[in-house]
C-alpha atoms as a PDB file:
ATOM      1  CA  MET A   1     114.544 136.447  82.261  1.00  0.00           C
ATOM      2  CA  GLU A   2     115.657 139.793  83.608  1.00  0.00           C
ATOM      3  CA  LYS A   3     115.313 142.755  81.253  1.00  0.00           C
ATOM      4  CA  PRO A   4     118.789 143.864  80.085  1.00  0.00           C
ATOM      5  CA  LYS A   5     119.983 147.350  80.942  1.00  0.00           C
ATOM      6  CA  HIS A   6     121.742 147.578  77.566  1.00  0.00           C
ATOM      7  CA  HIS A   7     121.045 145.545  74.437  1.00  0.00           C
ATOM      8  CA  ILE A   8     123.850 145.521  71.888  1.00  0.00           C
ATOM      9  CA  PHE A   9     122.894 144.516  68.347  1.00  0.00           C
ATOM     10  CA  ILE A  10     125.905 143.775  66.136  1.00  0.00           C
ATOM     11  CA  CYS A  11     125.684 143.164  62.399  1.00  0.00           C
ATOM     12  CA  SER A  12     126.610 139.669  61.269  1.00  0.00           C
ATOM     13  CA  SER A  13     126.114 140.542  57.613  1.00  0.00           C
ATOM     14  CA  SER A  14     123.445 137.973  56.771  1.00  0.00           C
ATOM     15  CA  ARG A  15     120.791 138.973  54.238  1.00  0.00           C
ATOM     16  CA  VAL A  16     117.652 137.535  52.717  1.00  0.00           C
ATOM     17  CA  VAL A  17     118.365 134.998  49.980  1.00  0.00           C
ATOM     18  CA  GLY A  18     118.963 136.748  46.678  1.00  0.00           C
ATOM     19  CA  GLU A  19     120.184 140.051  48.139  1.00  0.00           C
ATOM     20  CA  PRO A  20     123.827 141.041  47.687  1.00  0.00           C
ATOM     21  CA  ILE A  21     126.069 139.858  50.515  1.00  0.00           C
ATOM     22  CA  GLY A  22     126.867 142.514  53.125  1.00  0.00           C
ATOM     23  CA  SER A  23     130.403 143.516  53.998  1.00  0.00           C
ATOM     24  CA  CYS A  24     130.663 143.028  57.777  1.00  0.00           C
ATOM     25  CA  GLY A  25     131.242 139.302  57.366  1.00  0.00           C
ATOM     26  CA  ARG A  26     134.217 139.962  55.117  1.00  0.00           C
ATOM     27  CA  ARG A  27     135.621 142.309  57.763  1.00  0.00           C
ATOM     28  CA  GLY A  28     135.966 139.715  60.511  1.00  0.00           C
ATOM     29  CA  ILE A  29     132.668 140.215  62.338  1.00  0.00           C
ATOM     30  CA  GLY A  30     132.695 136.684  63.771  1.00  0.00           C
ATOM     31  CA  ASP A  31     135.900 137.368  65.675  1.00  0.00           C
ATOM     32  CA  LEU A  32     134.611 140.799  66.781  1.00  0.00           C
ATOM     33  CA  ILE A  33     131.398 139.307  68.167  1.00  0.00           C
ATOM     34  CA  GLN A  34     133.463 136.848  70.207  1.00  0.00           C
ATOM     35  CA  TYR A  35     135.762 139.661  71.350  1.00  0.00           C
ATOM     36  CA  LEU A  36     132.804 141.822  72.366  1.00  0.00           C
ATOM     37  CA  GLN A  37     131.253 139.016  74.417  1.00  0.00           C
ATOM     38  CA  ALA A  38     134.583 138.168  76.060  1.00  0.00           C
ATOM     39  CA  GLU A  39     135.185 141.829  76.975  1.00  0.00           C
ATOM     40  CA  VAL A  40     131.720 142.216  78.494  1.00  0.00           C
ATOM     41  CA  ASP A  41     132.311 139.039  80.520  1.00  0.00           C
ATOM     42  CA  ASP A  42     135.890 139.937  81.532  1.00  0.00           C
ATOM     43  CA  ARG A  43     134.848 143.409  82.638  1.00  0.00           C
ATOM     44  CA  GLY A  44     131.920 142.010  84.599  1.00  0.00           C
ATOM     45  CA  ILE A  45     129.482 144.401  82.937  1.00  0.00           C
ATOM     46  CA  GLU A  46     126.064 143.340  84.163  1.00  0.00           C
ATOM     47  CA  GLY A  47     122.771 143.823  82.378  1.00  0.00           C
ATOM     48  CA  VAL A  48     124.185 143.607  78.832  1.00  0.00           C
ATOM     49  CA  MET A  49     122.660 141.373  76.181  1.00  0.00           C
ATOM     50  CA  ILE A  50     124.480 140.903  72.864  1.00  0.00           C
ATOM     51  CA  THR A  51     122.565 139.856  69.766  1.00  0.00           C
ATOM     52  CA  ASN A  52     123.996 139.378  66.297  1.00  0.00           C
ATOM     53  CA  THR A  53     121.678 140.603  63.567  1.00  0.00           C
ATOM     54  CA  GLY A  54     121.196 140.428  59.866  1.00  0.00           C
ATOM     55  CA  CYS A  55     122.550 143.218  57.704  1.00  0.00           C
ATOM     56  CA  MET A  56     121.934 146.703  59.142  1.00  0.00           C
ATOM     57  CA  LYS A  57     122.422 148.283  55.691  1.00  0.00           C
ATOM     58  CA  VAL A  58     125.308 150.563  56.718  1.00  0.00           C
ATOM     59  CA  CYS A  59     127.902 148.530  54.854  1.00  0.00           C
ATOM     60  CA  ASP A  60     130.108 151.474  53.953  1.00  0.00           C
ATOM     61  CA  ARG A  61     130.663 152.133  57.686  1.00  0.00           C
ATOM     62  CA  GLY A  62     130.803 148.545  58.862  1.00  0.00           C
ATOM     63  CA  PRO A  63     131.195 146.578  60.880  1.00  0.00           C
ATOM     64  CA  VAL A  64     128.469 148.266  62.920  1.00  0.00           C
ATOM     65  CA  LEU A  65     126.623 147.861  66.196  1.00  0.00           C
ATOM     66  CA  VAL A  66     123.800 149.696  67.924  1.00  0.00           C
ATOM     67  CA  ILE A  67     123.191 149.948  71.660  1.00  0.00           C
ATOM     68  CA  TYR A  68     119.677 150.273  73.056  1.00  0.00           C
ATOM     69  CA  PRO A  69     117.948 151.905  74.837  1.00  0.00           C
ATOM     70  CA  GLU A  70     120.472 154.667  74.103  1.00  0.00           C
ATOM     71  CA  GLY A  71     120.070 154.305  70.337  1.00  0.00           C
ATOM     72  CA  HIS A  72     123.782 154.870  69.695  1.00  0.00           C
ATOM     73  CA  TRP A  73     124.993 153.539  66.344  1.00  0.00           C
ATOM     74  CA  TYR A  74     128.714 152.826  66.073  1.00  0.00           C
ATOM     75  CA  GLY A  75     130.708 151.935  62.967  1.00  0.00           C
ATOM     76  CA  ASN A  76     134.133 151.062  61.635  1.00  0.00           C
ATOM     77  CA  LEU A  77     134.567 148.537  64.410  1.00  0.00           C
ATOM     78  CA  ASP A  78     137.727 146.761  65.419  1.00  0.00           C
ATOM     79  CA  GLU A  79     138.944 145.573  68.828  1.00  0.00           C
ATOM     80  CA  GLU A  80     140.150 149.062  69.789  1.00  0.00           C
ATOM     81  CA  ALA A  81     136.747 150.526  68.883  1.00  0.00           C
ATOM     82  CA  ILE A  82     134.959 147.904  70.975  1.00  0.00           C
ATOM     83  CA  ASP A  83     137.222 148.713  73.940  1.00  0.00           C
ATOM     84  CA  GLN A  84     136.435 152.423  73.636  1.00  0.00           C
ATOM     85  CA  ILE A  85     132.708 151.791  73.181  1.00  0.00           C
ATOM     86  CA  LEU A  86     132.590 149.585  76.287  1.00  0.00           C
ATOM     87  CA  ASP A  87     134.633 152.151  78.252  1.00  0.00           C
ATOM     88  CA  ALA A  88     132.079 154.788  77.276  1.00  0.00           C
ATOM     89  CA  LEU A  89     129.129 152.505  78.065  1.00  0.00           C
ATOM     90  CA  GLU A  90     130.496 151.840  81.544  1.00  0.00           C
ATOM     91  CA  ALA A  91     131.001 155.581  82.110  1.00  0.00           C
ATOM     92  CA  GLY A  92     127.545 156.480  80.759  1.00  0.00           C
ATOM     93  CA  GLU A  93     129.136 158.348  77.860  1.00  0.00           C
ATOM     94  CA  VAL A  94     129.373 158.125  74.056  1.00  0.00           C
ATOM     95  CA  ALA A  95     132.447 156.904  72.150  1.00  0.00           C
ATOM     96  CA  GLU A  96     132.385 159.927  69.829  1.00  0.00           C
ATOM     97  CA  GLU A  97     135.130 158.662  67.508  1.00  0.00           C
ATOM     98  CA  TYR A  98     132.947 155.760  66.325  1.00  0.00           C
ATOM     99  CA  ILE A  99     129.412 157.209  66.557  1.00  0.00           C
ATOM    100  CA  LEU A 100     127.291 157.129  63.393  1.00  0.00           C
ATOM    101  CA  THR A 101     124.144 158.886  64.645  1.00  0.00           C
END
């Protein structure tokens, strides 16, 4: 396996049994994960790995994703946000409108 240049972790809202359910799942995260993967593939962005995670505990700003090694946290995701985030990633920039930290 080749080490990815960028690793995108995107919240899928799952939590440990007994914890309250997160909100990303109720906000269409399944469709957004598929959209994100399709956009990365369609754009031919190489060196990107996408991993869905358990709850990232930023529910009030969700859906959320984080990109490493940059450490950029993005929130309030929708398809437009993902487009802008990928545009910024390709340009080596930050999608300021959606940045959390």
